[in-house]
Amino acid sequence: MTGKTSRNKGARGEREFAEMLSNEIGQVVK
């Protein structure tokens, strides 16, 4: 799913995905 969305959105999809990962990592660290 993430691969298709990133290809369709392009750089925007990658940025959004990176933000989601960073948010998840932050929650895990906390």
N, C-alpha and C. Protein backbone atom coordinates (compact mmCIF):
# COMPACT_ATOMS: atom_id res chain seq x y z
N MET A 1 0.84 -1.21 0.00
CA MET A 1 0.00 0.00 0.00
C MET A 1 0.87 1.25 0.00
N THR A 2 1.84 1.33 0.89
CA THR A 2 2.68 2.52 0.98
C THR A 2 3.45 2.73 -0.32
N GLY A 3 3.92 1.64 -0.94
CA GLY A 3 4.68 1.78 -2.19
C GLY A 3 3.83 2.42 -3.28
N LYS A 4 2.60 1.96 -3.43
CA LYS A 4 1.73 2.52 -4.48
C LYS A 4 1.43 3.99 -4.20
N THR A 5 1.10 4.32 -2.96
CA THR A 5 0.78 5.71 -2.63
C THR A 5 1.99 6.60 -2.85
N SER A 6 3.16 6.13 -2.47
CA SER A 6 4.37 6.96 -2.65
C SER A 6 4.63 7.19 -4.13
N ARG A 7 4.39 6.17 -4.96
CA ARG A 7 4.63 6.35 -6.41
C ARG A 7 3.61 7.33 -6.98
N ASN A 8 2.36 7.22 -6.55
CA ASN A 8 1.32 8.11 -7.09
C ASN A 8 1.56 9.55 -6.64
N LYS A 9 1.82 9.76 -5.36
CA LYS A 9 2.01 11.12 -4.84
C LYS A 9 3.40 11.64 -5.16
N GLY A 10 4.38 10.74 -5.23
CA GLY A 10 5.74 11.19 -5.54
C GLY A 10 6.44 11.67 -4.28
N ALA A 11 7.11 12.81 -4.36
CA ALA A 11 7.87 13.33 -3.22
C ALA A 11 6.93 13.58 -2.04
N ARG A 12 5.72 14.07 -2.34
CA ARG A 12 4.78 14.35 -1.24
C ARG A 12 4.48 13.08 -0.47
N GLY A 13 4.22 11.99 -1.17
CA GLY A 13 3.93 10.73 -0.49
C GLY A 13 5.09 10.31 0.40
N GLU A 14 6.30 10.47 -0.11
CA GLU A 14 7.47 10.08 0.67
C GLU A 14 7.57 10.95 1.93
N ARG A 15 7.33 12.25 1.77
CA ARG A 15 7.41 13.14 2.94
C ARG A 15 6.36 12.76 3.97
N GLU A 16 5.13 12.54 3.51
CA GLU A 16 4.06 12.17 4.44
C GLU A 16 4.40 10.85 5.13
N PHE A 17 4.92 9.89 4.37
CA PHE A 17 5.27 8.60 4.95
C PHE A 17 6.38 8.78 5.99
N ALA A 18 7.36 9.63 5.68
CA ALA A 18 8.46 9.88 6.62
C ALA A 18 7.91 10.50 7.90
N GLU A 19 6.98 11.43 7.76
CA GLU A 19 6.40 12.07 8.94
C GLU A 19 5.67 11.04 9.79
N MET A 20 4.92 10.16 9.14
CA MET A 20 4.19 9.12 9.88
C MET A 20 5.18 8.23 10.63
N LEU A 21 6.27 7.84 9.96
CA LEU A 21 7.26 6.99 10.61
C LEU A 21 7.87 7.72 11.80
N SER A 22 8.23 8.99 11.62
CA SER A 22 8.85 9.76 12.70
C SER A 22 7.89 9.85 13.88
N ASN A 23 6.62 10.06 13.60
CA ASN A 23 5.62 10.14 14.68
C ASN A 23 5.54 8.81 15.41
N GLU A 24 5.49 7.71 14.66
CA GLU A 24 5.40 6.39 15.29
C GLU A 24 6.64 6.12 16.12
N ILE A 25 7.82 6.45 15.58
CA ILE A 25 9.07 6.23 16.31
C ILE A 25 9.07 7.05 17.60
N GLY A 26 8.62 8.30 17.51
CA GLY A 26 8.58 9.17 18.70
C GLY A 26 7.70 8.54 19.77
N GLN A 27 6.56 8.00 19.38
CA GLN A 27 5.67 7.38 20.35
C GLN A 27 6.34 6.16 20.97
N VAL A 28 7.03 5.39 20.15
CA VAL A 28 7.69 4.18 20.66
C VAL A 28 8.78 4.57 21.65
N VAL A 29 9.56 5.60 21.31
CA VAL A 29 10.65 6.03 22.20
C VAL A 29 10.07 6.49 23.53
N LYS A 30 8.98 7.24 23.47
CA LYS A 30 8.37 7.74 24.70
C LYS A 30 7.77 6.55 25.45
